[in-house]
């Protein structure tokens, strides 16, 4: 097992997931991540983006630029023209971000 796989497996354990999602107040975690994501230090940015890539299928080939100042800069990246075509069908839900829709009202 590679070091990356071992680290990913450790972080995906139910206990850690439960701790982060149920024991730390969501508001505190959100404020911390907002602050942390704006740190403009190279190794912090690189480690943050690498960690993000461990858990998601992050595709930066769609971005207009390939170097980012911070995790926040990467997260709010502008996409190249035509990278994602919007379906204008009124029966199709379109999201302006990379996310999972957890709930949807009227």
PDB file of N, CA and C in Angstrom:
ATOM      1  N   UNK A   1       0.850  -1.173   0.000  1.00  0.00           N
ATOM      2  CA  UNK A   1       0.000   0.000   0.000  1.00  0.00           C
ATOM      3  C   UNK A   1       0.896   1.236   0.000  1.00  0.00           C
ATOM      4  N   UNK A   2       0.610   2.169  -0.896  1.00  0.00           N
ATOM      5  CA  UNK A   2       1.422   3.371  -0.973  1.00  0.00           C
ATOM      6  C   UNK A   2       1.114   4.291   0.215  1.00  0.00           C
ATOM      7  N   UNK A   3       2.004   5.225   0.457  1.00  0.00           N
ATOM      8  CA  UNK A   3       1.813   6.187   1.547  1.00  0.00           C
ATOM      9  C   UNK A   3       0.540   7.004   1.310  1.00  0.00           C
ATOM     10  N   UNK A   4       0.303   7.389   0.058  1.00  0.00           N
ATOM     11  CA  UNK A   4      -0.891   8.174  -0.278  1.00  0.00           C
ATOM     12  C   UNK A   4      -2.162   7.381   0.026  1.00  0.00           C
ATOM     13  N   UNK A   5      -2.178   6.110  -0.365  1.00  0.00           N
ATOM     14  CA  UNK A   5      -3.345   5.260  -0.131  1.00  0.00           C
ATOM     15  C   UNK A   5      -3.565   5.049   1.363  1.00  0.00           C
ATOM     16  N   UNK A   6      -2.489   4.852   2.104  1.00  0.00           N
ATOM     17  CA  UNK A   6      -2.604   4.657   3.555  1.00  0.00           C
ATOM     18  C   UNK A   6      -3.148   5.913   4.225  1.00  0.00           C
ATOM     19  N   UNK A   7      -2.663   7.076   3.800  1.00  0.00           N
ATOM     20  CA  UNK A   7      -3.132   8.345   4.367  1.00  0.00           C
ATOM     21  C   UNK A   7      -4.609   8.569   4.036  1.00  0.00           C
ATOM     22  N   UNK A   8      -4.985   8.306   2.788  1.00  0.00           N
ATOM     23  CA  UNK A   8      -6.382   8.472   2.373  1.00  0.00           C
ATOM     24  C   UNK A   8      -7.293   7.530   3.152  1.00  0.00           C
ATOM     25  N   UNK A   9      -6.835   6.291   3.349  1.00  0.00           N
ATOM     26  CA  UNK A   9      -7.637   5.312   4.102  1.00  0.00           C
ATOM     27  C   UNK A   9      -7.824   5.758   5.549  1.00  0.00           C
ATOM     28  N   UNK A  10      -6.762   6.286   6.151  1.00  0.00           N
ATOM     29  CA  UNK A  10      -6.840   6.785   7.526  1.00  0.00           C
ATOM     30  C   UNK A  10      -7.864   7.911   7.637  1.00  0.00           C
ATOM     31  N   UNK A  11      -7.815   8.849   6.701  1.00  0.00           N
ATOM     32  CA  UNK A  11      -8.711  10.000   6.759  1.00  0.00           C
ATOM     33  C   UNK A  11     -10.155   9.649   6.401  1.00  0.00           C
ATOM     34  N   UNK A  12     -10.363   8.511   5.752  1.00  0.00           N
ATOM     35  CA  UNK A  12     -11.714   8.127   5.370  1.00  0.00           C
ATOM     36  C   UNK A  12     -12.403   7.265   6.427  1.00  0.00           C
ATOM     37  N   UNK A  13     -11.740   7.010   7.512  1.00  0.00           N
ATOM     38  CA  UNK A  13     -12.335   6.184   8.552  1.00  0.00           C
ATOM     39  C   UNK A  13     -13.568   6.875   9.135  1.00  0.00           C
ATOM     40  N   UNK A  14     -14.537   6.078   9.531  1.00  0.00           N
ATOM     41  CA  UNK A  14     -15.789   6.604  10.045  1.00  0.00           C
ATOM     42  C   UNK A  14     -15.595   7.480  11.273  1.00  0.00           C
ATOM     43  N   UNK A  15     -14.677   7.121  12.160  1.00  0.00           N
ATOM     44  CA  UNK A  15     -14.477   7.898  13.381  1.00  0.00           C
ATOM     45  C   UNK A  15     -14.045   9.327  13.079  1.00  0.00           C
ATOM     46  N   UNK A  16     -13.099   9.492  12.162  1.00  0.00           N
ATOM     47  CA  UNK A  16     -12.628  10.824  11.807  1.00  0.00           C
ATOM     48  C   UNK A  16     -13.727  11.603  11.109  1.00  0.00           C
ATOM     49  N   UNK A  17     -14.436  10.955  10.211  1.00  0.00           N
ATOM     50  CA  UNK A  17     -15.537  11.603   9.516  1.00  0.00           C
ATOM     51  C   UNK A  17     -16.601  12.058  10.512  1.00  0.00           C
ATOM     52  N   UNK A  18     -16.942  11.207  11.459  1.00  0.00           N
ATOM     53  CA  UNK A  18     -17.939  11.560  12.468  1.00  0.00           C
ATOM     54  C   UNK A  18     -17.462  12.751  13.300  1.00  0.00           C
ATOM     55  N   UNK A  19     -16.188  12.735  13.704  1.00  0.00           N
ATOM     56  CA  UNK A  19     -15.637  13.828  14.499  1.00  0.00           C
ATOM     57  C   UNK A  19     -15.753  15.154  13.762  1.00  0.00           C
ATOM     58  N   UNK A  20     -15.326  15.166  12.503  1.00  0.00           N
ATOM     59  CA  UNK A  20     -15.329  16.415  11.749  1.00  0.00           C
ATOM     60  C   UNK A  20     -16.730  16.915  11.414  1.00  0.00           C
ATOM     61  N   UNK A  21     -17.670  16.003  11.230  1.00  0.00           N
ATOM     62  CA  UNK A  21     -19.007  16.432  10.812  1.00  0.00           C
ATOM     63  C   UNK A  21     -20.017  16.552  11.944  1.00  0.00           C
ATOM     64  N   UNK A  22     -19.713  15.978  13.101  1.00  0.00           N
ATOM     65  CA  UNK A  22     -20.709  15.994  14.167  1.00  0.00           C
ATOM     66  C   UNK A  22     -20.228  16.537  15.512  1.00  0.00           C
ATOM     67  N   UNK A  23     -18.947  16.582  15.746  1.00  0.00           N
ATOM     68  CA  UNK A  23     -18.447  17.028  17.046  1.00  0.00           C
ATOM     69  C   UNK A  23     -17.883  18.437  17.033  1.00  0.00           C
ATOM     70  N   UNK A  24     -17.389  18.869  15.892  1.00  0.00           N
ATOM     71  CA  UNK A  24     -16.889  20.239  15.774  1.00  0.00           C
ATOM     72  C   UNK A  24     -18.038  21.077  15.217  1.00  0.00           C
ATOM     73  N   UNK A  25     -18.407  22.165  15.907  1.00  0.00           N
ATOM     74  CA  UNK A  25     -19.516  22.985  15.391  1.00  0.00           C
ATOM     75  C   UNK A  25     -19.250  23.429  13.949  1.00  0.00           C
ATOM     76  N   UNK A  26     -20.228  23.234  13.103  1.00  0.00           N
ATOM     77  CA  UNK A  26     -20.094  23.531  11.671  1.00  0.00           C
ATOM     78  C   UNK A  26     -19.667  24.969  11.420  1.00  0.00           C
ATOM     79  N   UNK A  27     -20.201  25.894  12.195  1.00  0.00           N
ATOM     80  CA  UNK A  27     -19.853  27.323  12.032  1.00  0.00           C
ATOM     81  C   UNK A  27     -18.364  27.551  12.297  1.00  0.00           C
ATOM     82  N   UNK A  28     -17.836  26.908  13.346  1.00  0.00           N
ATOM     83  CA  UNK A  28     -16.417  27.052  13.687  1.00  0.00           C
ATOM     84  C   UNK A  28     -15.553  26.474  12.566  1.00  0.00           C
ATOM     85  N   UNK A  29     -15.917  25.301  12.088  1.00  0.00           N
ATOM     86  CA  UNK A  29     -15.162  24.657  11.015  1.00  0.00           C
ATOM     87  C   UNK A  29     -15.220  25.492   9.730  1.00  0.00           C
ATOM     88  N   UNK A  30     -16.378  26.062   9.434  1.00  0.00           N
ATOM     89  CA  UNK A  30     -16.543  26.892   8.245  1.00  0.00           C
ATOM     90  C   UNK A  30     -15.684  28.154   8.337  1.00  0.00           C
ATOM     91  N   UNK A  31     -15.706  28.818   9.491  1.00  0.00           N
ATOM     92  CA  UNK A  31     -14.891  30.024   9.671  1.00  0.00           C
ATOM     93  C   UNK A  31     -13.402  29.699   9.568  1.00  0.00           C
ATOM     94  N   UNK A  32     -12.990  28.596  10.193  1.00  0.00           N
ATOM     95  CA  UNK A  32     -11.584  28.190  10.113  1.00  0.00           C
ATOM     96  C   UNK A  32     -11.170  27.924   8.675  1.00  0.00           C
ATOM     97  N   UNK A  33     -11.977  27.153   7.943  1.00  0.00           N
ATOM     98  CA  UNK A  33     -11.617  26.812   6.565  1.00  0.00           C
ATOM     99  C   UNK A  33     -11.606  28.060   5.672  1.00  0.00           C
ATOM    100  N   UNK A  34     -12.515  29.011   5.927  1.00  0.00           N
ATOM    101  CA  UNK A  34     -12.496  30.265   5.170  1.00  0.00           C
ATOM    102  C   UNK A  34     -11.200  31.014   5.389  1.00  0.00           C
ATOM    103  N   UNK A  35     -10.756  31.079   6.638  1.00  0.00           N
ATOM    104  CA  UNK A  35      -9.484  31.751   6.965  1.00  0.00           C
ATOM    105  C   UNK A  35      -8.310  30.978   6.367  1.00  0.00           C
ATOM    106  N   UNK A  36      -8.284  29.674   6.607  1.00  0.00           N
ATOM    107  CA  UNK A  36      -7.179  28.832   6.175  1.00  0.00           C
ATOM    108  C   UNK A  36      -7.017  28.845   4.655  1.00  0.00           C
ATOM    109  N   UNK A  37      -8.134  28.816   3.939  1.00  0.00           N
ATOM    110  CA  UNK A  37      -8.080  28.723   2.476  1.00  0.00           C
ATOM    111  C   UNK A  37      -7.465  29.960   1.829  1.00  0.00           C
ATOM    112  N   UNK A  38      -7.410  31.068   2.557  1.00  0.00           N
ATOM    113  CA  UNK A  38      -6.885  32.316   1.984  1.00  0.00           C
ATOM    114  C   UNK A  38      -5.414  32.544   2.308  1.00  0.00           C
ATOM    115  N   UNK A  39      -4.767  31.591   2.977  1.00  0.00           N
ATOM    116  CA  UNK A  39      -3.342  31.718   3.282  1.00  0.00           C
ATOM    117  C   UNK A  39      -2.548  31.629   1.979  1.00  0.00           C
ATOM    118  N   UNK A  40      -1.719  32.637   1.729  1.00  0.00           N
ATOM    119  CA  UNK A  40      -0.952  32.704   0.482  1.00  0.00           C
ATOM    120  C   UNK A  40       0.504  32.325   0.730  1.00  0.00           C
ATOM    121  N   UNK A  41       0.705  31.105   1.201  1.00  0.00           N
ATOM    122  CA  UNK A  41       2.040  30.547   1.419  1.00  0.00           C
ATOM    123  C   UNK A  41       2.120  29.303   0.538  1.00  0.00           C
ATOM    124  N   UNK A  42       3.166  29.222  -0.264  1.00  0.00           N
ATOM    125  CA  UNK A  42       3.273  28.160  -1.264  1.00  0.00           C
ATOM    126  C   UNK A  42       3.056  26.754  -0.749  1.00  0.00           C
ATOM    127  N   UNK A  43       3.745  26.375   0.326  1.00  0.00           N
ATOM    128  CA  UNK A  43       3.628  24.994   0.808  1.00  0.00           C
ATOM    129  C   UNK A  43       2.248  24.717   1.393  1.00  0.00           C
ATOM    130  N   UNK A  44       1.602  25.731   1.986  1.00  0.00           N
ATOM    131  CA  UNK A  44       0.239  25.552   2.513  1.00  0.00           C
ATOM    132  C   UNK A  44      -0.724  25.348   1.353  1.00  0.00           C
ATOM    133  N   UNK A  45      -0.591  26.189   0.329  1.00  0.00           N
ATOM    134  CA  UNK A  45      -1.430  26.059  -0.869  1.00  0.00           C
ATOM    135  C   UNK A  45      -1.249  24.695  -1.519  1.00  0.00           C
ATOM    136  N   UNK A  46       0.008  24.293  -1.736  1.00  0.00           N
ATOM    137  CA  UNK A  46       0.283  23.029  -2.418  1.00  0.00           C
ATOM    138  C   UNK A  46      -0.216  21.829  -1.617  1.00  0.00           C
ATOM    139  N   UNK A  47      -0.011  21.846  -0.294  1.00  0.00           N
ATOM    140  CA  UNK A  47      -0.482  20.746   0.556  1.00  0.00           C
ATOM    141  C   UNK A  47      -2.010  20.699   0.576  1.00  0.00           C
ATOM    142  N   UNK A  48      -2.646  21.863   0.594  1.00  0.00           N
ATOM    143  CA  UNK A  48      -4.109  21.926   0.620  1.00  0.00           C
ATOM    144  C   UNK A  48      -4.712  21.390  -0.672  1.00  0.00           C
ATOM    145  N   UNK A  49      -4.157  21.794  -1.797  1.00  0.00           N
ATOM    146  CA  UNK A  49      -4.670  21.323  -3.092  1.00  0.00           C
ATOM    147  C   UNK A  49      -4.402  19.828  -3.249  1.00  0.00           C
ATOM    148  N   UNK A  50      -3.240  19.361  -2.796  1.00  0.00           N
ATOM    149  CA  UNK A  50      -2.927  17.921  -2.867  1.00  0.00           C
ATOM    150  C   UNK A  50      -3.901  17.118  -2.010  1.00  0.00           C
ATOM    151  N   UNK A  51      -4.243  17.623  -0.831  1.00  0.00           N
ATOM    152  CA  UNK A  51      -5.205  16.938   0.037  1.00  0.00           C
ATOM    153  C   UNK A  51      -6.582  16.913  -0.615  1.00  0.00           C
ATOM    154  N   UNK A  52      -6.977  18.025  -1.221  1.00  0.00           N
ATOM    155  CA  UNK A  52      -8.255  18.105  -1.933  1.00  0.00           C
ATOM    156  C   UNK A  52      -8.295  17.045  -3.034  1.00  0.00           C
ATOM    157  N   UNK A  53      -7.191  16.881  -3.746  1.00  0.00           N
ATOM    158  CA  UNK A  53      -7.126  15.896  -4.830  1.00  0.00           C
ATOM    159  C   UNK A  53      -7.221  14.460  -4.311  1.00  0.00           C
ATOM    160  N   UNK A  54      -6.807  14.227  -3.055  1.00  0.00           N
ATOM    161  CA  UNK A  54      -6.914  12.877  -2.488  1.00  0.00           C
ATOM    162  C   UNK A  54      -8.365  12.401  -2.406  1.00  0.00           C
ATOM    163  N   UNK A  55      -9.277  13.319  -2.172  1.00  0.00           N
ATOM    164  CA  UNK A  55     -10.662  12.956  -1.884  1.00  0.00           C
ATOM    165  C   UNK A  55     -11.643  13.266  -3.005  1.00  0.00           C
ATOM    166  N   UNK A  56     -11.181  13.965  -4.037  1.00  0.00           N
ATOM    167  CA  UNK A  56     -12.087  14.321  -5.124  1.00  0.00           C
ATOM    168  C   UNK A  56     -11.407  14.107  -6.464  1.00  0.00           C
ATOM    169  N   UNK A  57     -12.177  14.195  -7.493  1.00  0.00           N
ATOM    170  CA  UNK A  57     -11.658  14.101  -8.852  1.00  0.00           C
ATOM    171  C   UNK A  57     -11.458  15.528  -9.366  1.00  0.00           C
ATOM    172  N   UNK A  58     -10.532  16.259  -8.754  1.00  0.00           N
ATOM    173  CA  UNK A  58     -10.285  17.661  -9.068  1.00  0.00           C
ATOM    174  C   UNK A  58      -9.633  17.762 -10.453  1.00  0.00           C
ATOM    175  N   UNK A  59     -10.300  18.453 -11.365  1.00  0.00           N
ATOM    176  CA  UNK A  59      -9.807  18.614 -12.734  1.00  0.00           C
ATOM    177  C   UNK A  59      -9.459  20.079 -12.956  1.00  0.00           C
ATOM    178  N   UNK A  60      -8.185  20.394 -12.867  1.00  0.00           N
ATOM    179  CA  UNK A  60      -7.749  21.778 -13.043  1.00  0.00           C
ATOM    180  C   UNK A  60      -7.467  22.107 -14.505  1.00  0.00           C
ATOM    181  N   UNK A  61      -7.636  21.146 -15.408  1.00  0.00           N
ATOM    182  CA  UNK A  61      -7.398  21.414 -16.825  1.00  0.00           C
ATOM    183  C   UNK A  61      -8.443  22.373 -17.395  1.00  0.00           C
ATOM    184  N   UNK A  62      -9.581  22.526 -16.721  1.00  0.00           N
ATOM    185  CA  UNK A  62     -10.633  23.434 -17.184  1.00  0.00           C
ATOM    186  C   UNK A  62     -10.373  24.885 -16.775  1.00  0.00           C
ATOM    187  N   UNK A  63      -9.411  25.102 -15.894  1.00  0.00           N
ATOM    188  CA  UNK A  63      -9.157  26.442 -15.361  1.00  0.00           C
ATOM    189  C   UNK A  63      -8.420  27.314 -16.369  1.00  0.00           C
ATOM    190  N   UNK A  64      -8.713  28.622 -16.337  1.00  0.00           N
ATOM    191  CA  UNK A  64      -8.010  29.568 -17.202  1.00  0.00           C
ATOM    192  C   UNK A  64      -6.535  29.647 -16.835  1.00  0.00           C
ATOM    193  N   UNK A  65      -6.239  29.584 -15.540  1.00  0.00           N
ATOM    194  CA  UNK A  65      -4.833  29.620 -15.122  1.00  0.00           C
ATOM    195  C   UNK A  65      -4.505  28.341 -14.368  1.00  0.00           C
ATOM    196  N   UNK A  66      -3.247  27.993 -14.324  1.00  0.00           N
ATOM    197  CA  UNK A  66      -2.824  26.741 -13.703  1.00  0.00           C
ATOM    198  C   UNK A  66      -2.087  26.945 -12.389  1.00  0.00           C
ATOM    199  N   UNK A  67      -1.702  28.167 -12.060  1.00  0.00           N
ATOM    200  CA  UNK A  67      -1.032  28.475 -10.783  1.00  0.00           C
ATOM    201  C   UNK A  67      -1.977  29.335  -9.961  1.00  0.00           C
ATOM    202  N   UNK A  68      -2.112  28.978  -8.688  1.00  0.00           N
ATOM    203  CA  UNK A  68      -3.037  29.667  -7.810  1.00  0.00           C
ATOM    204  C   UNK A  68      -2.302  30.251  -6.611  1.00  0.00           C
ATOM    205  N   UNK A  69      -2.801  31.368  -6.093  1.00  0.00           N
ATOM    206  CA  UNK A  69      -2.179  32.024  -4.936  1.00  0.00           C
ATOM    207  C   UNK A  69      -2.487  31.308  -3.632  1.00  0.00           C
ATOM    208  N   UNK A  70      -3.653  30.661  -3.569  1.00  0.00           N
ATOM    209  CA  UNK A  70      -4.108  30.020  -2.333  1.00  0.00           C
ATOM    210  C   UNK A  70      -5.125  28.939  -2.685  1.00  0.00           C
ATOM    211  N   UNK A  71      -5.536  28.185  -1.685  1.00  0.00           N
ATOM    212  CA  UNK A  71      -6.589  27.194  -1.887  1.00  0.00           C
ATOM    213  C   UNK A  71      -7.876  27.893  -2.318  1.00  0.00           C
ATOM    214  N   UNK A  72      -8.174  29.033  -1.720  1.00  0.00           N
ATOM    215  CA  UNK A  72      -9.369  29.807  -2.078  1.00  0.00           C
ATOM    216  C   UNK A  72      -9.317  30.225  -3.547  1.00  0.00           C
ATOM    217  N   UNK A  73      -8.151  30.692  -3.985  1.00  0.00           N
ATOM    218  CA  UNK A  73      -7.971  31.088  -5.373  1.00  0.00           C
ATOM    219  C   UNK A  73      -8.260  29.916  -6.311  1.00  0.00           C
ATOM    220  N   UNK A  74      -7.831  28.727  -5.926  1.00  0.00           N
ATOM    221  CA  UNK A  74      -8.107  27.523  -6.721  1.00  0.00           C
ATOM    222  C   UNK A  74      -9.594  27.176  -6.668  1.00  0.00           C
ATOM    223  N   UNK A  75     -10.178  27.304  -5.497  1.00  0.00           N
ATOM    224  CA  UNK A  75     -11.579  26.924  -5.302  1.00  0.00           C
ATOM    225  C   UNK A  75     -12.525  27.800  -6.127  1.00  0.00           C
ATOM    226  N   UNK A  76     -12.195  29.081  -6.279  1.00  0.00           N
ATOM    227  CA  UNK A  76     -13.063  30.010  -7.027  1.00  0.00           C
ATOM    228  C   UNK A  76     -12.510  30.282  -8.428  1.00  0.00           C
ATOM    229  N   UNK A  77     -11.743  29.328  -8.953  1.00  0.00           N
ATOM    230  CA  UNK A  77     -11.075  29.502 -10.235  1.00  0.00           C
ATOM    231  C   UNK A  77     -12.060  29.788 -11.372  1.00  0.00           C
ATOM    232  N   UNK A  78     -11.608  30.619 -12.292  1.00  0.00           N
ATOM    233  CA  UNK A  78     -12.386  30.912 -13.488  1.00  0.00           C
ATOM    234  C   UNK A  78     -12.083  29.821 -14.516  1.00  0.00           C
ATOM    235  N   UNK A  79     -13.116  29.368 -15.190  1.00  0.00           N
ATOM    236  CA  UNK A  79     -12.953  28.299 -16.182  1.00  0.00           C
ATOM    237  C   UNK A  79     -12.723  28.873 -17.576  1.00  0.00           C
ATOM    238  N   UNK A  80     -12.059  28.066 -18.411  1.00  0.00           N
ATOM    239  CA  UNK A  80     -11.868  28.443 -19.798  1.00  0.00           C
ATOM    240  C   UNK A  80     -13.230  28.524 -20.490  1.00  0.00           C
ATOM    241  N   UNK A  81     -13.322  29.350 -21.504  1.00  0.00           N
ATOM    242  CA  UNK A  81     -14.543  29.496 -22.295  1.00  0.00           C
ATOM    243  C   UNK A  81     -14.944  28.141 -22.869  1.00  0.00           C
ATOM    244  N   UNK A  82     -16.193  27.741 -22.668  1.00  0.00           N
ATOM    245  CA  UNK A  82     -16.707  26.485 -23.195  1.00  0.00           C
ATOM    246  C   UNK A  82     -16.327  25.251 -22.397  1.00  0.00           C
ATOM    247  N   UNK A  83     -15.692  25.429 -21.246  1.00  0.00           N
ATOM    248  CA  UNK A  83     -15.265  24.277 -20.444  1.00  0.00           C
ATOM    249  C   UNK A  83     -16.465  23.472 -19.938  1.00  0.00           C
ATOM    250  N   UNK A  84     -17.506  24.163 -19.568  1.00  0.00           N
ATOM    251  CA  UNK A  84     -18.727  23.486 -19.097  1.00  0.00           C
ATOM    252  C   UNK A  84     -19.938  24.163 -19.724  1.00  0.00           C
ATOM    253  N   UNK A  85     -20.623  23.412 -20.530  1.00  0.00           N
ATOM    254  CA  UNK A  85     -21.793  23.942 -21.215  1.00  0.00           C
ATOM    255  C   UNK A  85     -23.001  23.814 -20.296  1.00  0.00           C
ATOM    256  N   UNK A  86     -23.783  24.884 -20.194  1.00  0.00           N
ATOM    257  CA  UNK A  86     -24.972  24.899 -19.343  1.00  0.00           C
ATOM    258  C   UNK A  86     -26.165  24.400 -20.148  1.00  0.00           C
ATOM    259  N   UNK A  87     -26.895  23.455 -19.586  1.00  0.00           N
ATOM    260  CA  UNK A  87     -28.105  22.941 -20.212  1.00  0.00           C
ATOM    261  C   UNK A  87     -29.248  23.880 -19.836  1.00  0.00           C
ATOM    262  N   UNK A  88     -29.846  24.529 -20.808  1.00  0.00           N
ATOM    263  CA  UNK A  88     -30.910  25.513 -20.556  1.00  0.00           C
ATOM    264  C   UNK A  88     -32.301  24.888 -20.466  1.00  0.00           C
ATOM    265  N   UNK A  89     -32.393  23.581 -20.481  1.00  0.00           N
ATOM    266  CA  UNK A  89     -33.662  22.883 -20.321  1.00  0.00           C
ATOM    267  C   UNK A  89     -34.200  23.202 -18.921  1.00  0.00           C
ATOM    268  N   UNK A  90     -35.438  23.748 -18.794  1.00  0.00           N
ATOM    269  CA  UNK A  90     -35.974  24.112 -17.481  1.00  0.00           C
ATOM    270  C   UNK A  90     -36.203  22.925 -16.547  1.00  0.00           C
ATOM    271  N   UNK A  91     -36.168  21.707 -17.078  1.00  0.00           N
ATOM    272  CA  UNK A  91     -36.347  20.524 -16.240  1.00  0.00           C
ATOM    273  C   UNK A  91     -35.020  19.967 -15.726  1.00  0.00           C
ATOM    274  N   UNK A  92     -33.925  20.638 -16.068  1.00  0.00           N
ATOM    275  CA  UNK A  92     -32.591  20.211 -15.650  1.00  0.00           C
ATOM    276  C   UNK A  92     -32.051  21.195 -14.620  1.00  0.00           C
ATOM    277  N   UNK A  93     -31.592  20.668 -13.485  1.00  0.00           N
ATOM    278  CA  UNK A  93     -30.993  21.525 -12.468  1.00  0.00           C
ATOM    279  C   UNK A  93     -29.525  21.754 -12.830  1.00  0.00           C
ATOM    280  N   UNK A  94     -29.118  22.998 -12.811  1.00  0.00           N
ATOM    281  CA  UNK A  94     -27.742  23.354 -13.108  1.00  0.00           C
ATOM    282  C   UNK A  94     -27.131  24.027 -11.896  1.00  0.00           C
ATOM    283  N   UNK A  95     -25.942  23.598 -11.520  1.00  0.00           N
ATOM    284  CA  UNK A  95     -25.240  24.175 -10.372  1.00  0.00           C
ATOM    285  C   UNK A  95     -24.027  24.949 -10.867  1.00  0.00           C
ATOM    286  N   UNK A  96     -23.784  26.134 -10.310  1.00  0.00           N
ATOM    287  CA  UNK A  96     -22.643  26.933 -10.757  1.00  0.00           C
ATOM    288  C   UNK A  96     -21.324  26.506 -10.112  1.00  0.00           C
ATOM    289  N   UNK A  97     -21.317  25.394  -9.408  1.00  0.00           N
ATOM    290  CA  UNK A  97     -20.087  24.992  -8.716  1.00  0.00           C
ATOM    291  C   UNK A  97     -19.923  23.474  -8.728  1.00  0.00           C
ATOM    292  N   UNK A  98     -18.725  23.053  -8.318  1.00  0.00           N
ATOM    293  CA  UNK A  98     -18.463  21.622  -8.144  1.00  0.00           C
ATOM    294  C   UNK A  98     -18.975  21.271  -6.758  1.00  0.00           C
ATOM    295  N   UNK A  99     -20.082  20.573  -6.703  1.00  0.00           N
ATOM    296  CA  UNK A  99     -20.666  20.260  -5.391  1.00  0.00           C
ATOM    297  C   UNK A  99     -21.637  19.097  -5.523  1.00  0.00           C
ATOM    298  N   UNK A 100     -22.101  18.663  -4.391  1.00  0.00           N
ATOM    299  CA  UNK A 100     -23.137  17.653  -4.336  1.00  0.00           C
ATOM    300  C   UNK A 100     -24.382  18.335  -3.790  1.00  0.00           C
ATOM    301  N   UNK A 101     -25.492  18.196  -4.486  1.00  0.00           N
ATOM    302  CA  UNK A 101     -26.743  18.790  -4.025  1.00  0.00           C
ATOM    303  C   UNK A 101     -27.302  17.878  -2.949  1.00  0.00           C
ATOM    304  N   UNK A 102     -27.394  18.401  -1.731  1.00  0.00           N
ATOM    305  CA  UNK A 102     -27.899  17.629  -0.605  1.00  0.00           C
ATOM    306  C   UNK A 102     -29.401  17.750  -0.447  1.00  0.00           C
ATOM    307  N   UNK A 103     -29.965  18.869  -0.884  1.00  0.00           N
ATOM    308  CA  UNK A 103     -31.410  19.089  -0.770  1.00  0.00           C
ATOM    309  C   UNK A 103     -31.781  20.192  -1.756  1.00  0.00           C
ATOM    310  N   UNK A 104     -33.034  20.187  -2.163  1.00  0.00           N
ATOM    311  CA  UNK A 104     -33.496  21.208  -3.107  1.00  0.00           C
ATOM    312  C   UNK A 104     -34.977  21.475  -2.839  1.00  0.00           C
ATOM    313  N   UNK A 105     -35.310  22.733  -2.669  1.00  0.00           N
ATOM    314  CA  UNK A 105     -36.707  23.108  -2.442  1.00  0.00           C
ATOM    315  C   UNK A 105     -37.298  23.679  -3.717  1.00  0.00           C
ATOM    316  N   UNK A 106     -38.424  24.333  -3.547  1.00  0.00           N
ATOM    317  CA  UNK A 106     -39.096  24.942  -4.714  1.00  0.00           C
ATOM    318  C   UNK A 106     -38.275  26.073  -5.277  1.00  0.00           C
TER     319      UNK A 106
END
